[in-house]
Amino acid sequence: MNEWHKSSYSDGSENCVEIREHADRADVRDTKNRAAGHITVDAAAWNAFVRAVKTDAL
């Protein structure tokens, strides 16, 4: 999936993050400030975060 996409939790808002997923990592950036760059997290950390969000564990 090598393209940027908005979080499904954004509800169409401009106050959200965009994700670009790779096999071994995920890049995350602020939709309102794309020029600031992005952070990269490894796949295991990203998958743990997504599971926590989906189960309201955060």
PDB file of N, CA and C in Angstrom:
ATOM      1  N   MET A   1       0.849  -1.173   0.000  1.00  0.00           N
ATOM      2  CA  MET A   1       0.000   0.000   0.000  1.00  0.00           C
ATOM      3  C   MET A   1       0.890   1.231   0.000  1.00  0.00           C
ATOM      4  N   ASN A   2       1.558   1.683  -0.820  1.00  0.00           N
ATOM      5  CA  ASN A   2       2.584   2.701  -0.737  1.00  0.00           C
ATOM      6  C   ASN A   2       2.085   4.132  -0.912  1.00  0.00           C
ATOM      7  N   GLU A   3       0.818   4.405  -0.724  1.00  0.00           N
ATOM      8  CA  GLU A   3       0.282   5.749  -0.913  1.00  0.00           C
ATOM      9  C   GLU A   3      -0.199   6.322   0.417  1.00  0.00           C
ATOM     10  N   TRP A   4      -0.142   7.644   0.533  1.00  0.00           N
ATOM     11  CA  TRP A   4      -0.655   8.314   1.726  1.00  0.00           C
ATOM     12  C   TRP A   4      -2.168   8.208   1.755  1.00  0.00           C
ATOM     13  N   HIS A   5      -2.737   7.949   2.921  1.00  0.00           N
ATOM     14  CA  HIS A   5      -4.185   7.957   3.098  1.00  0.00           C
ATOM     15  C   HIS A   5      -4.506   8.500   4.487  1.00  0.00           C
ATOM     16  N   LYS A   6      -5.674   9.115   4.609  1.00  0.00           N
ATOM     17  CA  LYS A   6      -6.093   9.687   5.890  1.00  0.00           C
ATOM     18  C   LYS A   6      -6.552   8.602   6.845  1.00  0.00           C
ATOM     19  N   SER A   7      -6.431   8.902   8.094  1.00  0.00           N
ATOM     20  CA  SER A   7      -6.940   8.014   9.123  1.00  0.00           C
ATOM     21  C   SER A   7      -8.439   7.829   8.941  1.00  0.00           C
ATOM     22  N   SER A   8      -8.917   6.627   9.170  1.00  0.00           N
ATOM     23  CA  SER A   8     -10.366   6.377   9.074  1.00  0.00           C
ATOM     24  C   SER A   8     -11.123   7.063  10.199  1.00  0.00           C
ATOM     25  N   TYR A   9     -10.419   7.540  11.221  1.00  0.00           N
ATOM     26  CA  TYR A   9     -11.035   8.251  12.333  1.00  0.00           C
ATOM     27  C   TYR A   9     -11.145   9.747  12.083  1.00  0.00           C
ATOM     28  N   SER A  10     -10.751  10.225  10.911  1.00  0.00           N
ATOM     29  CA  SER A  10     -10.709  11.665  10.656  1.00  0.00           C
ATOM     30  C   SER A  10     -12.085  12.279  10.441  1.00  0.00           C
ATOM     31  N   ASP A  11     -13.081  11.505  10.071  1.00  0.00           N
ATOM     32  CA  ASP A  11     -14.442  12.007   9.828  1.00  0.00           C
ATOM     33  C   ASP A  11     -14.464  13.164   8.832  1.00  0.00           C
ATOM     34  N   GLY A  12     -13.558  13.168   7.866  1.00  0.00           N
ATOM     35  CA  GLY A  12     -13.527  14.210   6.857  1.00  0.00           C
ATOM     36  C   GLY A  12     -12.906  15.512   7.328  1.00  0.00           C
ATOM     37  N   SER A  13     -12.438  15.533   8.542  1.00  0.00           N
ATOM     38  CA  SER A  13     -11.836  16.727   9.123  1.00  0.00           C
ATOM     39  C   SER A  13     -10.444  16.963   8.549  1.00  0.00           C
ATOM     40  N   GLU A  14      -9.991  18.195   8.631  1.00  0.00           N
ATOM     41  CA  GLU A  14      -8.615  18.506   8.239  1.00  0.00           C
ATOM     42  C   GLU A  14      -7.652  18.313   9.411  1.00  0.00           C
ATOM     43  N   ASN A  15      -8.175  18.062  10.596  1.00  0.00           N
ATOM     44  CA  ASN A  15      -7.350  17.833  11.784  1.00  0.00           C
ATOM     45  C   ASN A  15      -7.114  16.346  11.951  1.00  0.00           C
ATOM     46  N   CYS A  16      -6.240  15.814  11.132  1.00  0.00           N
ATOM     47  CA  CYS A  16      -6.026  14.374  11.194  1.00  0.00           C
ATOM     48  C   CYS A  16      -4.607  14.047  10.766  1.00  0.00           C
ATOM     49  N   VAL A  17      -4.328  12.797  10.717  1.00  0.00           N
ATOM     50  CA  VAL A  17      -3.021  12.323  10.260  1.00  0.00           C
ATOM     51  C   VAL A  17      -3.206  11.524   8.981  1.00  0.00           C
ATOM     52  N   GLU A  18      -2.129  11.426   8.236  1.00  0.00           N
ATOM     53  CA  GLU A  18      -2.091  10.582   7.049  1.00  0.00           C
ATOM     54  C   GLU A  18      -1.052   9.488   7.293  1.00  0.00           C
ATOM     55  N   ILE A  19      -1.321   8.340   6.727  1.00  0.00           N
ATOM     56  CA  ILE A  19      -0.480   7.175   6.920  1.00  0.00           C
ATOM     57  C   ILE A  19      -0.019   6.659   5.558  1.00  0.00           C
ATOM     58  N   ARG A  20       1.223   6.222   5.502  1.00  0.00           N
ATOM     59  CA  ARG A  20       1.734   5.514   4.320  1.00  0.00           C
ATOM     60  C   ARG A  20       2.362   4.237   4.850  1.00  0.00           C
ATOM     61  N   GLU A  21       1.733   3.113   4.535  1.00  0.00           N
ATOM     62  CA  GLU A  21       2.178   1.835   5.085  1.00  0.00           C
ATOM     63  C   GLU A  21       3.095   1.102   4.114  1.00  0.00           C
ATOM     64  N   HIS A  22       4.127   0.519   4.667  1.00  0.00           N
ATOM     65  CA  HIS A  22       5.073  -0.318   3.931  1.00  0.00           C
ATOM     66  C   HIS A  22       5.092  -1.676   4.629  1.00  0.00           C
ATOM     67  N   ALA A  23       5.744  -2.640   4.044  1.00  0.00           N
ATOM     68  CA  ALA A  23       5.800  -3.975   4.650  1.00  0.00           C
ATOM     69  C   ALA A  23       6.498  -3.952   6.007  1.00  0.00           C
ATOM     70  N   ASP A  24       7.503  -3.116   6.169  1.00  0.00           N
ATOM     71  CA  ASP A  24       8.312  -3.129   7.382  1.00  0.00           C
ATOM     72  C   ASP A  24       8.164  -1.890   8.262  1.00  0.00           C
ATOM     73  N   ARG A  25       7.339  -0.923   7.852  1.00  0.00           N
ATOM     74  CA  ARG A  25       7.215   0.321   8.611  1.00  0.00           C
ATOM     75  C   ARG A  25       5.970   1.089   8.182  1.00  0.00           C
ATOM     76  N   ALA A  26       5.658   2.151   8.930  1.00  0.00           N
ATOM     77  CA  ALA A  26       4.578   3.070   8.566  1.00  0.00           C
ATOM     78  C   ALA A  26       5.092   4.490   8.742  1.00  0.00           C
ATOM     79  N   ASP A  27       4.773   5.352   7.791  1.00  0.00           N
ATOM     80  CA  ASP A  27       5.096   6.768   7.876  1.00  0.00           C
ATOM     81  C   ASP A  27       3.819   7.499   8.280  1.00  0.00           C
ATOM     82  N   VAL A  28       3.959   8.468   9.178  1.00  0.00           N
ATOM     83  CA  VAL A  28       2.811   9.208   9.700  1.00  0.00           C
ATOM     84  C   VAL A  28       3.111  10.693   9.591  1.00  0.00           C
ATOM     85  N   ARG A  29       2.146  11.479   9.075  1.00  0.00           N
ATOM     86  CA  ARG A  29       2.341  12.922   8.976  1.00  0.00           C
ATOM     87  C   ARG A  29       1.047  13.667   9.306  1.00  0.00           C
ATOM     88  N   ASP A  30       1.206  14.926   9.638  1.00  0.00           N
ATOM     89  CA  ASP A  30       0.091  15.815   9.956  1.00  0.00           C
ATOM     90  C   ASP A  30      -0.498  16.341   8.653  1.00  0.00           C
ATOM     91  N   THR A  31      -1.776  16.146   8.435  1.00  0.00           N
ATOM     92  CA  THR A  31      -2.429  16.582   7.210  1.00  0.00           C
ATOM     93  C   THR A  31      -2.326  18.094   7.017  1.00  0.00           C
ATOM     94  N   LYS A  32      -2.392  18.845   8.104  1.00  0.00           N
ATOM     95  CA  LYS A  32      -2.358  20.304   7.998  1.00  0.00           C
ATOM     96  C   LYS A  32      -0.947  20.853   7.798  1.00  0.00           C
ATOM     97  N   ASN A  33       0.070  20.044   8.008  1.00  0.00           N
ATOM     98  CA  ASN A  33       1.438  20.522   7.897  1.00  0.00           C
ATOM     99  C   ASN A  33       2.321  19.463   7.233  1.00  0.00           C
ATOM    100  N   ARG A  34       1.974  19.100   6.034  1.00  0.00           N
ATOM    101  CA  ARG A  34       2.707  18.055   5.314  1.00  0.00           C
ATOM    102  C   ARG A  34       4.170  18.428   5.088  1.00  0.00           C
ATOM    103  N   ALA A  35       4.433  19.721   4.924  1.00  0.00           N
ATOM    104  CA  ALA A  35       5.805  20.176   4.666  1.00  0.00           C
ATOM    105  C   ALA A  35       6.743  19.916   5.846  1.00  0.00           C
ATOM    106  N   ALA A  36       6.192  19.674   7.029  1.00  0.00           N
ATOM    107  CA  ALA A  36       7.014  19.408   8.215  1.00  0.00           C
ATOM    108  C   ALA A  36       7.636  18.018   8.181  1.00  0.00           C
ATOM    109  N   GLY A  37       7.226  17.205   7.239  1.00  0.00           N
ATOM    110  CA  GLY A  37       7.780  15.862   7.135  1.00  0.00           C
ATOM    111  C   GLY A  37       6.912  14.830   7.824  1.00  0.00           C
ATOM    112  N   HIS A  38       7.507  13.722   8.148  1.00  0.00           N
ATOM    113  CA  HIS A  38       6.767  12.618   8.759  1.00  0.00           C
ATOM    114  C   HIS A  38       7.657  11.890   9.763  1.00  0.00           C
ATOM    115  N   ILE A  39       7.015  11.075  10.566  1.00  0.00           N
ATOM    116  CA  ILE A  39       7.756  10.168  11.444  1.00  0.00           C
ATOM    117  C   ILE A  39       7.573   8.759  10.891  1.00  0.00           C
ATOM    118  N   THR A  40       8.518   7.918  11.173  1.00  0.00           N
ATOM    119  CA  THR A  40       8.468   6.526  10.723  1.00  0.00           C
ATOM    120  C   THR A  40       8.532   5.618  11.939  1.00  0.00           C
ATOM    121  N   VAL A  41       7.625   4.656  11.986  1.00  0.00           N
ATOM    122  CA  VAL A  41       7.632   3.662  13.060  1.00  0.00           C
ATOM    123  C   VAL A  41       7.699   2.280  12.425  1.00  0.00           C
ATOM    124  N   ASP A  42       8.307   1.330  13.137  1.00  0.00           N
ATOM    125  CA  ASP A  42       8.405  -0.008  12.554  1.00  0.00           C
ATOM    126  C   ASP A  42       7.038  -0.684  12.546  1.00  0.00           C
ATOM    127  N   ALA A  43       6.919  -1.695  11.723  1.00  0.00           N
ATOM    128  CA  ALA A  43       5.630  -2.356  11.507  1.00  0.00           C
ATOM    129  C   ALA A  43       5.045  -2.923  12.795  1.00  0.00           C
ATOM    130  N   ALA A  44       5.866  -3.502  13.649  1.00  0.00           N
ATOM    131  CA  ALA A  44       5.360  -4.089  14.893  1.00  0.00           C
ATOM    132  C   ALA A  44       4.754  -3.013  15.790  1.00  0.00           C
ATOM    133  N   ALA A  45       5.417  -1.879  15.913  1.00  0.00           N
ATOM    134  CA  ALA A  45       4.891  -0.793  16.738  1.00  0.00           C
ATOM    135  C   ALA A  45       3.611  -0.231  16.141  1.00  0.00           C
ATOM    136  N   TRP A  46       3.583  -0.062  14.825  1.00  0.00           N
ATOM    137  CA  TRP A  46       2.388   0.469  14.167  1.00  0.00           C
ATOM    138  C   TRP A  46       1.207  -0.481  14.348  1.00  0.00           C
ATOM    139  N   ASN A  47       1.429  -1.761  14.147  1.00  0.00           N
ATOM    140  CA  ASN A  47       0.348  -2.746  14.289  1.00  0.00           C
ATOM    141  C   ASN A  47      -0.163  -2.796  15.725  1.00  0.00           C
ATOM    142  N   ALA A  48       0.719  -2.673  16.699  1.00  0.00           N
ATOM    143  CA  ALA A  48       0.292  -2.647  18.101  1.00  0.00           C
ATOM    144  C   ALA A  48      -0.551  -1.413  18.378  1.00  0.00           C
ATOM    145  N   PHE A  49      -0.164  -0.269  17.832  1.00  0.00           N
ATOM    146  CA  PHE A  49      -0.933   0.962  18.000  1.00  0.00           C
ATOM    147  C   PHE A  49      -2.330   0.822  17.385  1.00  0.00           C
ATOM    148  N   VAL A  50      -2.398   0.312  16.175  1.00  0.00           N
ATOM    149  CA  VAL A  50      -3.698   0.147  15.496  1.00  0.00           C
ATOM    150  C   VAL A  50      -4.596  -0.800  16.292  1.00  0.00           C
ATOM    151  N   ARG A  51      -4.046  -1.916  16.786  1.00  0.00           N
ATOM    152  CA  ARG A  51      -4.842  -2.840  17.601  1.00  0.00           C
ATOM    153  C   ARG A  51      -5.358  -2.149  18.861  1.00  0.00           C
ATOM    154  N   ALA A  52      -4.517  -1.346  19.496  1.00  0.00           N
ATOM    155  CA  ALA A  52      -4.925  -0.644  20.710  1.00  0.00           C
ATOM    156  C   ALA A  52      -6.044   0.351  20.431  1.00  0.00           C
ATOM    157  N   VAL A  53      -5.955   1.059  19.317  1.00  0.00           N
ATOM    158  CA  VAL A  53      -7.007   2.013  18.956  1.00  0.00           C
ATOM    159  C   VAL A  53      -8.320   1.279  18.692  1.00  0.00           C
ATOM    160  N   LYS A  54      -8.238   0.183  17.962  1.00  0.00           N
ATOM    161  CA  LYS A  54      -9.447  -0.564  17.618  1.00  0.00           C
ATOM    162  C   LYS A  54     -10.126  -1.186  18.833  1.00  0.00           C
ATOM    163  N   THR A  55      -9.364  -1.478  19.867  1.00  0.00           N
ATOM    164  CA  THR A  55      -9.947  -2.094  21.060  1.00  0.00           C
ATOM    165  C   THR A  55     -10.106  -1.100  22.219  1.00  0.00           C
ATOM    166  N   ASP A  56      -9.917   0.204  21.922  1.00  0.00           N
ATOM    167  CA  ASP A  56     -10.012   1.259  22.942  1.00  0.00           C
ATOM    168  C   ASP A  56      -9.067   1.034  24.117  1.00  0.00           C
ATOM    169  N   ALA A  57      -7.911   0.476  23.834  1.00  0.00           N
ATOM    170  CA  ALA A  57      -6.950   0.199  24.887  1.00  0.00           C
ATOM    171  C   ALA A  57      -6.061   1.405  25.194  1.00  0.00           C
ATOM    172  N   LEU A  58      -6.215   2.484  24.459  1.00  0.00           N
ATOM    173  CA  LEU A  58      -5.389   3.679  24.717  1.00  0.00           C
ATOM    174  C   LEU A  58      -6.078   4.625  25.660  1.00  0.00           C
TER     175      LEU A  58
END
